[in-house]
Protein backbone atom coordinates (compact mmCIF):
# COMPACT_ATOMS: atom_id res chain seq x y z
CA MET A 1 -24.45 13.21 65.17
CA ARG A 2 -21.29 12.48 63.17
CA ARG A 3 -19.13 14.33 65.76
CA ILE A 4 -20.74 12.36 68.52
CA VAL A 5 -20.14 9.08 66.74
CA ARG A 6 -16.57 10.05 66.07
CA HIS A 7 -15.90 10.87 69.68
CA VAL A 8 -17.31 7.59 70.74
CA LEU A 9 -15.19 5.62 68.27
CA ASP A 10 -12.10 7.53 69.13
CA TYR A 11 -12.67 6.72 72.86
CA ALA A 12 -13.42 3.00 72.14
CA LEU A 13 -10.92 2.50 69.24
CA PRO A 14 -8.40 5.33 69.35
CA PRO A 15 -6.22 5.95 66.26
CA ARG A 16 -2.86 4.30 66.67
CA CYS A 17 0.57 4.64 65.08
CA PRO A 18 0.90 1.99 62.33
CA CYS A 19 4.42 1.14 63.48
CA CYS A 20 4.43 0.85 67.25
CA GLY A 21 0.69 1.04 68.10
CA GLU A 22 0.94 4.15 70.29
CA ILE A 23 -2.22 6.19 70.40
CA VAL A 24 -2.07 9.24 68.15
CA ALA A 25 -4.25 12.32 67.64
CA GLU A 26 -5.68 11.36 64.23
CA ASP A 27 -5.95 8.52 61.84
CA ASP A 28 -3.13 7.87 59.29
CA ARG A 29 -0.49 9.50 61.45
CA PHE A 30 2.85 8.42 62.91
CA CYS A 31 3.67 8.95 66.57
CA HIS A 32 6.50 11.43 67.16
CA ASN A 33 9.22 8.68 67.79
CA CYS A 34 8.34 6.69 64.67
CA TRP A 35 8.13 9.90 62.61
CA ASP A 36 11.67 10.77 63.66
CA GLU A 37 12.87 7.29 62.50
CA ILE A 38 11.22 7.29 59.05
CA GLU A 39 13.33 8.58 56.15
CA PHE A 40 11.00 10.46 53.86
CA LEU A 41 12.05 10.87 50.21
CA GLY A 42 11.58 13.86 47.98
CA GLU A 43 13.46 16.69 46.39
CA PRO A 44 16.28 17.08 45.59
CA CYS A 45 16.47 13.76 43.67
CA CYS A 46 17.32 12.17 40.34
CA ALA A 47 14.70 13.30 37.79
CA ARG A 48 14.51 9.77 36.32
CA CYS A 49 14.65 7.34 39.28
CA GLY A 50 14.03 9.48 42.30
CA ALA A 51 17.27 8.53 44.08
CA PRO A 52 17.99 11.32 46.62
CA PHE A 53 20.75 13.87 46.13
CA ASP A 54 22.78 15.35 48.95
CA HIS A 55 22.41 18.86 47.57
CA VAL A 56 19.97 20.87 45.46
CA VAL A 57 20.45 20.45 41.72
CA ASN A 58 18.62 21.27 38.52
CA ASP A 59 15.25 19.58 38.16
CA GLU A 60 16.34 17.62 35.16
CA VAL A 61 19.55 16.13 36.48
CA TRP A 62 19.94 12.34 36.38
CA CYS A 63 21.97 10.18 38.69
CA GLY A 64 25.05 8.32 37.40
CA ALA A 65 23.14 4.99 37.35
CA CYS A 66 20.40 6.32 35.10
CA LEU A 67 22.89 8.02 32.82
CA ALA A 68 24.77 4.72 32.41
CA ASP A 69 21.63 2.52 32.05
CA PRO A 70 18.43 4.58 31.61
CA PRO A 71 15.36 2.76 33.08
CA PRO A 72 12.34 2.31 30.81
CA TRP A 73 9.98 4.43 32.99
CA ASP A 74 9.82 8.19 32.73
CA SER A 75 10.04 8.77 36.49
CA ALA A 76 10.02 6.81 39.70
CA ARG A 77 9.14 8.16 43.14
CA ALA A 78 8.74 6.63 46.62
CA ALA A 79 7.35 8.08 49.75
CA VAL A 80 9.91 6.71 52.14
CA GLN A 81 13.26 4.88 52.24
CA TYR A 82 12.95 1.18 52.92
CA GLY A 83 13.99 0.52 56.50
CA GLU A 84 12.78 -1.14 59.74
CA TYR A 85 9.68 1.05 60.14
CA SER A 86 8.55 1.29 56.55
CA ARG A 87 9.14 -2.42 56.13
CA THR A 88 6.95 -3.10 59.18
CA ILE A 89 4.09 -1.26 57.63
CA ALA A 90 4.42 -2.95 54.27
CA LEU A 91 4.60 -6.44 55.85
CA ARG A 92 1.57 -5.77 58.13
CA LEU A 93 -0.45 -4.90 55.07
CA LYS A 94 0.80 -7.77 52.93
CA TYR A 95 0.93 -10.64 55.45
CA GLY A 96 -0.80 -9.33 58.53
CA ARG A 97 -3.96 -8.50 56.57
CA ARG A 98 -4.02 -4.99 57.93
CA THR A 99 -5.73 -3.65 54.82
CA GLY A 100 -6.44 -0.28 56.35
CA LEU A 101 -2.75 0.44 55.99
CA ALA A 102 -3.25 0.80 52.24
CA ARG A 103 -5.02 4.05 52.83
CA PHE A 104 -2.20 5.18 55.19
CA MET A 105 0.47 4.40 52.61
CA ALA A 106 -1.45 6.00 49.78
CA ARG A 107 -1.78 9.20 51.80
CA TYR A 108 2.06 9.60 51.71
CA MET A 109 2.38 8.39 48.10
CA GLN A 110 -0.23 10.57 46.42
CA PRO A 111 1.69 13.92 46.95
CA HIS A 112 4.53 12.51 44.83
CA ILE A 113 2.37 12.54 41.66
CA ASP A 114 3.79 15.27 39.42
CA GLU A 115 1.69 18.40 39.09
CA ALA A 116 1.92 18.05 35.28
CA ILE A 117 0.16 14.67 35.47
CA LEU A 118 -2.47 15.94 37.85
CA SER A 119 -3.19 18.86 35.47
CA ALA A 120 -3.82 16.26 32.75
CA ARG A 121 -5.57 13.70 34.97
CA SER A 122 -8.12 12.90 32.21
CA GLU A 123 -5.21 11.61 30.15
CA ALA A 124 -3.78 9.54 33.03
CA VAL A 125 -4.53 6.12 34.44
CA ILE A 126 -3.34 4.31 37.61
CA ILE A 127 -2.38 0.57 37.21
CA PRO A 128 -1.25 -1.54 40.11
CA VAL A 129 1.50 -4.12 39.85
CA PRO A 130 -0.54 -7.36 39.69
CA LEU A 131 -0.17 -10.62 41.58
CA HIS A 132 -0.41 -14.06 39.92
CA ARG A 133 -3.78 -15.63 40.45
CA TRP A 134 -2.37 -18.39 42.77
CA ARG A 135 -0.81 -15.84 45.09
CA LEU A 136 -3.96 -13.65 44.94
CA TRP A 137 -6.11 -16.61 45.95
CA GLY A 138 -3.86 -17.45 48.80
CA ARG A 139 -3.56 -13.95 50.13
CA GLY A 140 -7.10 -12.76 49.29
CA PHE A 141 -6.08 -9.33 48.05
CA ASN A 142 -3.44 -7.47 46.04
CA GLN A 143 -1.83 -4.89 48.34
CA SER A 144 -0.78 -2.72 45.34
CA GLN A 145 -4.37 -2.69 44.06
CA LEU A 146 -5.64 -1.56 47.47
CA ILE A 147 -3.14 1.26 47.54
CA ALA A 148 -3.92 2.22 43.91
CA GLY A 149 -7.60 2.52 44.74
CA HIS A 150 -6.99 5.02 47.56
CA ILE A 151 -4.53 7.05 45.41
CA GLY A 152 -7.07 7.14 42.53
CA LYS A 153 -9.79 8.41 44.92
CA ALA A 154 -7.52 11.08 46.40
CA SER A 155 -6.22 12.33 43.04
CA ALA A 156 -9.44 11.81 40.91
CA ILE A 157 -7.44 9.65 38.45
CA GLU A 158 -9.01 6.59 36.96
CA VAL A 159 -7.78 3.19 38.15
CA GLU A 160 -7.57 0.16 35.94
CA PRO A 161 -6.85 -2.69 38.38
CA PHE A 162 -7.08 -5.55 35.86
CA ALA A 163 -5.33 -4.04 32.78
CA LEU A 164 -2.00 -5.60 33.64
CA ARG A 165 -1.77 -9.31 34.40
CA ARG A 166 0.91 -11.58 35.89
CA ILE A 167 0.86 -14.58 33.63
CA VAL A 168 3.81 -16.41 35.10
CA ALA A 169 4.00 -17.48 38.80
CA THR A 170 7.54 -16.58 39.81
CA ARG A 171 9.34 -17.59 42.98
CA PRO A 172 10.20 -14.86 45.49
CA LEU A 173 13.00 -12.62 44.29
CA GLN A 174 14.57 -11.67 47.60
CA ASP A 175 17.68 -13.96 47.33
CA MET A 176 18.35 -13.42 43.70
CA SER A 177 20.96 -11.23 42.05
CA HIS A 178 19.92 -8.27 39.91
CA ARG A 179 20.45 -10.31 36.69
CA GLN A 180 18.46 -13.26 38.05
CA ARG A 181 15.62 -10.98 39.02
CA GLU A 182 15.47 -9.50 35.56
CA LYS A 183 15.49 -12.88 33.91
CA THR A 184 12.80 -14.31 36.25
CA VAL A 185 10.19 -11.55 35.74
CA GLY A 186 11.13 -10.57 32.22
CA LYS A 187 8.18 -12.39 30.65
CA ALA A 188 5.98 -12.63 33.71
CA PHE A 189 3.55 -9.77 32.76
CA ALA A 190 1.11 -8.98 29.93
CA VAL A 191 -1.50 -6.37 29.18
CA ASP A 192 -5.02 -7.77 28.90
CA ALA A 193 -6.10 -7.22 25.35
CA ARG A 194 -9.47 -6.07 26.51
CA TYR A 195 -7.86 -3.05 28.17
CA GLU A 196 -5.36 -1.96 25.51
CA ASN A 197 -7.69 0.85 24.37
CA ARG A 198 -7.67 2.28 27.89
CA ILE A 199 -3.91 2.30 27.99
CA SER A 200 -2.97 3.45 24.54
CA GLY A 201 -1.91 7.09 24.58
CA LYS A 202 -2.28 7.34 28.35
CA ILE A 203 0.08 8.54 31.05
CA VAL A 204 0.33 5.49 33.28
CA ILE A 205 1.06 5.71 37.02
CA LEU A 206 2.38 2.22 37.97
CA VAL A 207 1.79 1.58 41.73
CA ASP A 208 3.71 -0.88 43.82
CA ASP A 209 4.39 -1.21 47.54
CA VAL A 210 8.20 -1.65 47.55
CA HIS A 211 10.79 -0.73 44.94
CA THR A 212 13.80 -3.02 45.37
CA SER A 213 16.02 -3.73 42.30
CA GLY A 214 13.43 -2.38 39.87
CA ALA A 215 13.23 -5.66 37.95
CA THR A 216 9.42 -6.02 38.34
CA ALA A 217 8.83 -2.35 37.51
CA ARG A 218 10.98 -2.66 34.35
CA ALA A 219 9.07 -5.73 33.20
CA CYS A 220 5.73 -4.02 33.80
CA THR A 221 6.86 -0.77 32.14
CA ARG A 222 8.07 -2.49 29.01
CA VAL A 223 4.76 -4.28 28.34
CA LEU A 224 2.76 -1.10 29.08
CA LEU A 225 4.82 0.90 26.63
CA LYS A 226 4.51 -1.91 24.06
CA ALA A 227 0.71 -1.72 24.57
CA GLY A 228 0.88 2.05 23.55
CA ALA A 229 1.21 3.89 26.86
CA ARG A 230 2.54 7.43 26.29
CA SER A 231 4.63 7.32 29.44
CA VAL A 232 4.99 5.32 32.66
CA HIS A 233 5.62 6.80 36.07
CA LEU A 234 6.45 4.46 38.96
CA LEU A 235 5.01 5.24 42.36
CA CYS A 236 5.84 3.23 45.47
CA TRP A 237 5.54 3.29 49.24
CA ALA A 238 9.16 2.42 50.08
CA ARG A 239 12.38 2.27 48.08
CA VAL A 240 15.50 0.22 48.80
CA LEU A 241 18.48 2.42 48.42
CA GLU A 242 22.14 1.44 47.92
CA ASN A 243 23.63 -0.43 50.85
CA HIS A 244 20.19 -1.20 52.23
CA ASN A 245 19.21 -4.89 51.91
CA VAL A 246 15.65 -6.09 51.51
């Protein structure tokens, strides 16, 4: 019966590429053309921030930026490089209300969770970057929370969607300099006191959709560490790399 229903649904509503809408063989898949245009990220990369390296290096090597100014998180990984196609998917989820894309994005993000964390999943927790309540009411959902839910289900790691709060409504960061972004979000986040015991001593996977300057991730990481988190690992859908504007 399930096979029959699946065939009927595939005929009436065939799975489509999330970028261009072309019919594909299965759900959560790119078409061949969009697949060729997406820049997937992975090894070799900086052990700290995940910035890609041009050649294979030791697993513990840091990039120059991290050596000069180490970020507060223990690691940061993104599934794809921010570009036209990855941006389209993120915007369709965030503003187009295509909430099914959260599962699609999670599918490509979940494999970037380190095996050491997966082997200690009972000591780990997934926390999404929160929205301020005004923005949440206007949009109706937090895209990072939707993504985090799917990652938690796929990895069997507990998700705490309300542990981290955005207590200051900041204006959009797109047109700000790095220093302005850091100042704007520096005190925008706080850990809900009711959840501190669920964070203390835990390995935290901080989930966001797009990693731009890292200002938001830094602010979130600092309050999580202050609340007693053992370590924080940033996990995103797309990352803006040098010479790529958001």
